[in-house]
Amino acid sequence: MKTLLIKGIAFLALAVFLGACNKSPSFVSTNLSSVTAKFSSIKANILDTKCVACHSSTNPNGGVSLASYDEVMSSPGAVTPFQPHQSQLFWQCYKGTMPEMGSPLSALELQTLYDWIAYGAPNN
């Protein structure tokens, strides 16, 4: 009985630890001053190819249009400059819930998106 209780506690502790590990992305830019992530590149290589089919000006699923910088920034909660973990654009892609159709973002695409937001989400 005592062994079963110890195993149960150990299992619970492991589950809590693993759950905590999965809650936050491990993306971190080591030198934001050298970030080369530009909105123009993100728009052309990520948003236009993976997002705009469902999140355009004429088809803003969930009320979110990702067709232009102004529309990205005016979509409530989509991007919070300097805070990728608070930005739904990054978070939904990181979790794999977006894009709903097609292939998910690659690690490099996720890092680029994270870096751009962490750098302040400039219109560059």
N, C-alpha and C. Protein backbone atom coordinates (compact mmCIF):
# COMPACT_ATOMS: atom_id res chain seq x y z
N MET A 1 0.83 -1.19 0.00
CA MET A 1 0.00 0.00 0.00
C MET A 1 0.88 1.26 0.00
N LYS A 2 1.91 1.26 0.85
CA LYS A 2 2.81 2.41 0.93
C LYS A 2 3.54 2.61 -0.39
N THR A 3 3.96 1.52 -1.04
CA THR A 3 4.64 1.59 -2.33
C THR A 3 3.70 2.16 -3.39
N LEU A 4 2.46 1.75 -3.37
CA LEU A 4 1.48 2.24 -4.32
C LEU A 4 1.26 3.75 -4.14
N LEU A 5 1.21 4.20 -2.90
CA LEU A 5 1.03 5.62 -2.62
C LEU A 5 2.24 6.42 -3.11
N ILE A 6 3.43 5.92 -2.88
CA ILE A 6 4.65 6.61 -3.32
C ILE A 6 4.69 6.67 -4.85
N LYS A 7 4.33 5.58 -5.52
CA LYS A 7 4.30 5.58 -6.98
C LYS A 7 3.25 6.57 -7.50
N GLY A 8 2.12 6.62 -6.83
CA GLY A 8 1.06 7.56 -7.24
C GLY A 8 1.51 9.00 -7.10
N ILE A 9 2.18 9.33 -6.01
CA ILE A 9 2.68 10.69 -5.80
C ILE A 9 3.76 11.02 -6.83
N ALA A 10 4.64 10.07 -7.10
CA ALA A 10 5.70 10.28 -8.09
C ALA A 10 5.09 10.52 -9.47
N PHE A 11 4.08 9.75 -9.82
CA PHE A 11 3.42 9.92 -11.10
C PHE A 11 2.76 11.30 -11.19
N LEU A 12 2.09 11.71 -10.13
CA LEU A 12 1.44 13.01 -10.11
C LEU A 12 2.47 14.13 -10.25
N ALA A 13 3.58 14.02 -9.53
CA ALA A 13 4.64 15.03 -9.61
C ALA A 13 5.20 15.11 -11.03
N LEU A 14 5.41 13.98 -11.66
CA LEU A 14 5.91 13.95 -13.02
C LEU A 14 4.91 14.60 -13.98
N ALA A 15 3.64 14.29 -13.80
CA ALA A 15 2.60 14.87 -14.67
C ALA A 15 2.55 16.39 -14.52
N VAL A 16 2.65 16.88 -13.30
CA VAL A 16 2.64 18.33 -13.07
C VAL A 16 3.87 18.96 -13.71
N PHE A 17 5.03 18.34 -13.54
CA PHE A 17 6.27 18.86 -14.12
C PHE A 17 6.17 18.92 -15.64
N LEU A 18 5.74 17.85 -16.26
CA LEU A 18 5.64 17.82 -17.72
C LEU A 18 4.60 18.81 -18.22
N GLY A 19 3.51 18.96 -17.50
CA GLY A 19 2.49 19.93 -17.88
C GLY A 19 3.04 21.34 -17.84
N ALA A 20 3.82 21.65 -16.82
CA ALA A 20 4.42 22.98 -16.71
C ALA A 20 5.42 23.22 -17.83
N CYS A 21 6.12 22.21 -18.23
CA CYS A 21 7.12 22.36 -19.30
C CYS A 21 6.48 22.67 -20.64
N ASN A 22 5.26 22.22 -20.86
CA ASN A 22 4.61 22.40 -22.15
C ASN A 22 3.82 23.70 -22.26
N LYS A 23 3.75 24.50 -21.23
CA LYS A 23 2.92 25.68 -21.26
C LYS A 23 3.56 26.87 -21.94
N SER A 24 4.85 26.91 -22.03
CA SER A 24 5.51 28.09 -22.58
C SER A 24 6.51 27.70 -23.65
N PRO A 25 6.45 28.36 -24.80
CA PRO A 25 7.43 28.07 -25.84
C PRO A 25 8.83 28.38 -25.37
N SER A 26 9.79 27.69 -25.93
CA SER A 26 11.17 27.89 -25.53
C SER A 26 11.89 28.84 -26.47
N PHE A 27 11.16 29.58 -27.28
CA PHE A 27 11.78 30.51 -28.22
C PHE A 27 12.34 31.70 -27.46
N VAL A 28 13.59 31.99 -27.68
CA VAL A 28 14.22 33.15 -27.07
C VAL A 28 15.27 33.68 -28.03
N SER A 29 15.18 34.93 -28.37
CA SER A 29 16.22 35.54 -29.18
C SER A 29 17.34 35.98 -28.26
N THR A 30 18.55 35.61 -28.59
CA THR A 30 19.67 35.96 -27.73
C THR A 30 20.16 37.36 -27.99
N ASN A 31 19.88 37.91 -29.15
CA ASN A 31 20.36 39.25 -29.46
C ASN A 31 19.34 39.95 -30.35
N LEU A 32 18.37 40.59 -29.74
CA LEU A 32 17.30 41.20 -30.51
C LEU A 32 17.78 42.32 -31.42
N SER A 33 18.91 42.92 -31.12
CA SER A 33 19.40 43.99 -31.97
C SER A 33 19.80 43.48 -33.35
N SER A 34 19.99 42.18 -33.50
CA SER A 34 20.39 41.63 -34.80
C SER A 34 19.25 40.88 -35.47
N VAL A 35 18.04 41.05 -34.96
CA VAL A 35 16.90 40.34 -35.55
C VAL A 35 16.68 40.83 -36.98
N THR A 36 16.54 39.89 -37.88
CA THR A 36 16.32 40.24 -39.28
C THR A 36 14.88 39.96 -39.70
N ALA A 37 14.04 39.59 -38.75
CA ALA A 37 12.64 39.31 -39.08
C ALA A 37 11.96 40.61 -39.48
N LYS A 38 11.45 40.64 -40.68
CA LYS A 38 10.78 41.83 -41.19
C LYS A 38 9.35 41.48 -41.54
N PHE A 39 8.45 42.42 -41.30
CA PHE A 39 7.06 42.16 -41.62
C PHE A 39 6.88 41.84 -43.09
N SER A 40 7.60 42.53 -43.96
CA SER A 40 7.45 42.27 -45.41
C SER A 40 7.78 40.82 -45.74
N SER A 41 8.78 40.27 -45.07
CA SER A 41 9.15 38.87 -45.29
C SER A 41 8.12 37.92 -44.65
N ILE A 42 7.66 38.26 -43.46
CA ILE A 42 6.65 37.44 -42.79
C ILE A 42 5.37 37.42 -43.61
N LYS A 43 4.98 38.58 -44.14
CA LYS A 43 3.77 38.65 -44.95
C LYS A 43 3.90 37.77 -46.19
N ALA A 44 5.02 37.91 -46.89
CA ALA A 44 5.20 37.15 -48.14
C ALA A 44 5.38 35.66 -47.91
N ASN A 45 6.14 35.28 -46.89
CA ASN A 45 6.51 33.87 -46.70
C ASN A 45 5.64 33.09 -45.73
N ILE A 46 4.92 33.78 -44.87
CA ILE A 46 4.09 33.06 -43.90
C ILE A 46 2.61 33.43 -44.07
N LEU A 47 2.30 34.71 -43.88
CA LEU A 47 0.89 35.11 -43.89
C LEU A 47 0.22 34.86 -45.23
N ASP A 48 0.86 35.30 -46.32
CA ASP A 48 0.24 35.12 -47.64
C ASP A 48 0.13 33.66 -48.05
N THR A 49 1.07 32.83 -47.62
CA THR A 49 1.05 31.43 -48.04
C THR A 49 0.25 30.52 -47.11
N LYS A 50 0.12 30.89 -45.84
CA LYS A 50 -0.51 29.97 -44.89
C LYS A 50 -1.72 30.53 -44.16
N CYS A 51 -1.95 31.84 -44.22
CA CYS A 51 -2.99 32.43 -43.37
C CYS A 51 -4.09 33.18 -44.12
N VAL A 52 -3.71 33.91 -45.17
CA VAL A 52 -4.63 34.85 -45.80
C VAL A 52 -5.81 34.17 -46.49
N ALA A 53 -5.69 32.90 -46.84
CA ALA A 53 -6.83 32.22 -47.47
C ALA A 53 -8.05 32.25 -46.54
N CYS A 54 -7.81 32.18 -45.24
CA CYS A 54 -8.91 32.20 -44.27
C CYS A 54 -9.02 33.52 -43.51
N HIS A 55 -7.94 34.30 -43.51
CA HIS A 55 -7.91 35.54 -42.73
C HIS A 55 -7.56 36.72 -43.63
N SER A 56 -8.43 36.98 -44.62
CA SER A 56 -8.21 38.09 -45.55
C SER A 56 -9.18 39.21 -45.23
N SER A 57 -9.03 40.31 -45.94
CA SER A 57 -9.94 41.44 -45.76
C SER A 57 -11.37 41.06 -46.10
N THR A 58 -11.53 40.22 -47.13
CA THR A 58 -12.87 39.81 -47.55
C THR A 58 -13.37 38.57 -46.83
N ASN A 59 -12.47 37.85 -46.16
CA ASN A 59 -12.83 36.61 -45.47
C ASN A 59 -12.12 36.56 -44.11
N PRO A 60 -12.46 37.47 -43.21
CA PRO A 60 -11.73 37.52 -41.93
C PRO A 60 -12.27 36.53 -40.89
N ASN A 61 -11.91 35.26 -41.04
CA ASN A 61 -12.38 34.26 -40.08
C ASN A 61 -12.04 34.69 -38.66
N GLY A 62 -13.00 34.53 -37.78
CA GLY A 62 -12.81 34.92 -36.39
C GLY A 62 -12.65 36.41 -36.23
N GLY A 63 -12.99 37.19 -37.25
CA GLY A 63 -12.83 38.63 -37.19
C GLY A 63 -11.39 39.09 -37.33
N VAL A 64 -10.51 38.18 -37.79
CA VAL A 64 -9.08 38.50 -37.88
C VAL A 64 -8.65 38.50 -39.34
N SER A 65 -8.17 39.66 -39.80
CA SER A 65 -7.60 39.75 -41.13
C SER A 65 -6.09 39.92 -41.00
N LEU A 66 -5.35 39.13 -41.76
CA LEU A 66 -3.89 39.18 -41.75
C LEU A 66 -3.36 39.61 -43.11
N ALA A 67 -4.17 40.38 -43.84
CA ALA A 67 -3.84 40.76 -45.20
C ALA A 67 -2.87 41.93 -45.30
N SER A 68 -2.76 42.73 -44.26
CA SER A 68 -1.84 43.86 -44.29
C SER A 68 -1.36 44.14 -42.87
N TYR A 69 -0.33 44.95 -42.77
CA TYR A 69 0.21 45.29 -41.45
C TYR A 69 -0.87 45.96 -40.58
N ASP A 70 -1.56 46.93 -41.16
CA ASP A 70 -2.59 47.64 -40.39
C ASP A 70 -3.69 46.70 -39.92
N GLU A 71 -4.07 45.74 -40.76
CA GLU A 71 -5.13 44.80 -40.36
C GLU A 71 -4.63 43.83 -39.30
N VAL A 72 -3.39 43.39 -39.41
CA VAL A 72 -2.81 42.51 -38.37
C VAL A 72 -2.82 43.24 -37.04
N MET A 73 -2.35 44.47 -37.04
CA MET A 73 -2.20 45.21 -35.80
C MET A 73 -3.54 45.68 -35.22
N SER A 74 -4.57 45.78 -36.06
CA SER A 74 -5.87 46.22 -35.56
C SER A 74 -6.78 45.05 -35.19
N SER A 75 -6.36 43.83 -35.46
CA SER A 75 -7.14 42.65 -35.06
C SER A 75 -6.91 42.42 -33.57
N PRO A 76 -7.95 42.54 -32.75
CA PRO A 76 -7.78 42.46 -31.29
C PRO A 76 -7.06 41.19 -30.84
N GLY A 77 -5.96 41.37 -30.13
CA GLY A 77 -5.22 40.26 -29.56
C GLY A 77 -4.29 39.53 -30.51
N ALA A 78 -4.34 39.86 -31.80
CA ALA A 78 -3.51 39.13 -32.77
C ALA A 78 -2.03 39.31 -32.47
N VAL A 79 -1.60 40.55 -32.29
CA VAL A 79 -0.19 40.83 -32.01
C VAL A 79 -0.10 41.87 -30.90
N THR A 80 0.64 41.52 -29.86
CA THR A 80 0.97 42.46 -28.80
C THR A 80 2.47 42.71 -28.90
N PRO A 81 2.86 43.88 -29.42
CA PRO A 81 4.28 44.15 -29.62
C PRO A 81 5.10 43.89 -28.35
N PHE A 82 6.27 43.31 -28.56
CA PHE A 82 7.22 42.95 -27.50
C PHE A 82 6.77 41.76 -26.65
N GLN A 83 5.60 41.20 -26.92
CA GLN A 83 5.08 40.11 -26.10
C GLN A 83 4.53 38.97 -26.96
N PRO A 84 5.42 38.15 -27.50
CA PRO A 84 4.95 37.05 -28.35
C PRO A 84 4.02 36.09 -27.61
N HIS A 85 4.27 35.88 -26.32
CA HIS A 85 3.43 34.94 -25.56
C HIS A 85 2.02 35.48 -25.35
N GLN A 86 1.83 36.77 -25.55
CA GLN A 86 0.51 37.38 -25.42
C GLN A 86 -0.15 37.57 -26.78
N SER A 87 0.53 37.19 -27.84
CA SER A 87 0.06 37.42 -29.21
C SER A 87 -0.56 36.15 -29.77
N GLN A 88 -1.84 36.23 -30.10
CA GLN A 88 -2.55 35.06 -30.60
C GLN A 88 -2.00 34.58 -31.95
N LEU A 89 -1.50 35.49 -32.77
CA LEU A 89 -0.92 35.07 -34.05
C LEU A 89 0.20 34.06 -33.81
N PHE A 90 1.11 34.37 -32.90
CA PHE A 90 2.19 33.43 -32.59
C PHE A 90 1.64 32.22 -31.84
N TRP A 91 0.86 32.44 -30.82
CA TRP A 91 0.44 31.37 -29.91
C TRP A 91 -0.37 30.29 -30.65
N GLN A 92 -1.31 30.70 -31.51
CA GLN A 92 -2.13 29.72 -32.22
C GLN A 92 -1.29 28.90 -33.20
N CYS A 93 -0.29 29.54 -33.80
CA CYS A 93 0.60 28.80 -34.71
C CYS A 93 1.51 27.87 -33.90
N TYR A 94 2.00 28.34 -32.78
CA TYR A 94 2.87 27.52 -31.94
C TYR A 94 2.14 26.27 -31.44
N LYS A 95 0.90 26.44 -31.00
CA LYS A 95 0.11 25.30 -30.50
C LYS A 95 -0.29 24.35 -31.62
N GLY A 96 -0.24 24.82 -32.85
CA GLY A 96 -0.61 23.98 -33.99
C GLY A 96 -2.08 24.05 -34.33
N THR A 97 -2.82 24.96 -33.70
CA THR A 97 -4.24 25.10 -34.04
C THR A 97 -4.43 25.91 -35.31
N MET A 98 -3.42 26.66 -35.69
CA MET A 98 -3.43 27.41 -36.94
C MET A 98 -2.11 27.12 -37.66
N PRO A 99 -2.13 27.05 -38.94
CA PRO A 99 -3.30 27.12 -39.80
C PRO A 99 -4.13 25.84 -39.72
N GLU A 100 -5.43 26.01 -39.87
CA GLU A 100 -6.31 24.84 -39.82
C GLU A 100 -6.12 23.94 -41.03
N MET A 101 -5.80 24.55 -42.17
CA MET A 101 -5.61 23.78 -43.40
C MET A 101 -4.16 23.95 -43.85
N GLY A 102 -3.60 22.92 -44.40
CA GLY A 102 -2.23 23.00 -44.87
C GLY A 102 -1.24 22.63 -43.77
N SER A 103 0.01 22.81 -44.10
CA SER A 103 1.06 22.40 -43.17
C SER A 103 1.26 23.44 -42.08
N PRO A 104 1.63 22.99 -40.88
CA PRO A 104 1.90 23.92 -39.80
C PRO A 104 3.18 24.71 -40.07
N LEU A 105 3.38 25.76 -39.30
CA LEU A 105 4.60 26.55 -39.46
C LEU A 105 5.80 25.73 -39.03
N SER A 106 6.89 25.90 -39.74
CA SER A 106 8.14 25.22 -39.39
C SER A 106 8.74 25.91 -38.17
N ALA A 107 9.74 25.27 -37.58
CA ALA A 107 10.43 25.86 -36.43
C ALA A 107 11.04 27.20 -36.81
N LEU A 108 11.60 27.30 -38.01
CA LEU A 108 12.19 28.56 -38.45
C LEU A 108 11.13 29.65 -38.63
N GLU A 109 9.98 29.29 -39.19
CA GLU A 109 8.90 30.26 -39.35
C GLU A 109 8.39 30.73 -38.00
N LEU A 110 8.23 29.79 -37.06
CA LEU A 110 7.80 30.16 -35.70
C LEU A 110 8.82 31.09 -35.04
N GLN A 111 10.10 30.77 -35.18
CA GLN A 111 11.14 31.61 -34.58
C GLN A 111 11.13 33.01 -35.19
N THR A 112 10.95 33.08 -36.51
CA THR A 112 10.91 34.37 -37.20
C THR A 112 9.73 35.21 -36.70
N LEU A 113 8.57 34.59 -36.60
CA LEU A 113 7.38 35.28 -36.11
C LEU A 113 7.58 35.74 -34.67
N TYR A 114 8.13 34.85 -33.84
CA TYR A 114 8.41 35.18 -32.44
C TYR A 114 9.37 36.37 -32.35
N ASP A 115 10.45 36.32 -33.12
CA ASP A 115 11.45 37.39 -33.09
C ASP A 115 10.86 38.73 -33.52
N TRP A 116 10.06 38.72 -34.57
CA TRP A 116 9.45 39.95 -35.06
C TRP A 116 8.57 40.59 -33.99
N ILE A 117 7.76 39.78 -33.34
CA ILE A 117 6.89 40.31 -32.28
C ILE A 117 7.73 40.76 -31.08
N ALA A 118 8.71 39.96 -30.68
CA ALA A 118 9.56 40.31 -29.55
C ALA A 118 10.32 41.61 -29.79
N TYR A 119 10.63 41.89 -31.04
CA TYR A 119 11.35 43.11 -31.41
C TYR A 119 10.43 44.32 -31.48
N GLY A 120 9.14 44.11 -31.27
CA GLY A 120 8.18 45.21 -31.26
C GLY A 120 7.21 45.20 -32.39
N ALA A 121 7.25 44.19 -33.24
CA ALA A 121 6.36 44.05 -34.39
C ALA A 121 6.37 45.30 -35.29
N PRO A 122 7.58 45.70 -35.72
CA PRO A 122 7.65 46.92 -36.55
C PRO A 122 7.10 46.70 -37.95
N ASN A 123 6.68 47.79 -38.57
CA ASN A 123 6.20 47.74 -39.95
C ASN A 123 7.41 47.96 -40.86
N ASN A 124 8.19 46.90 -41.03
CA ASN A 124 9.41 47.01 -41.82
C ASN A 124 9.40 46.06 -43.00
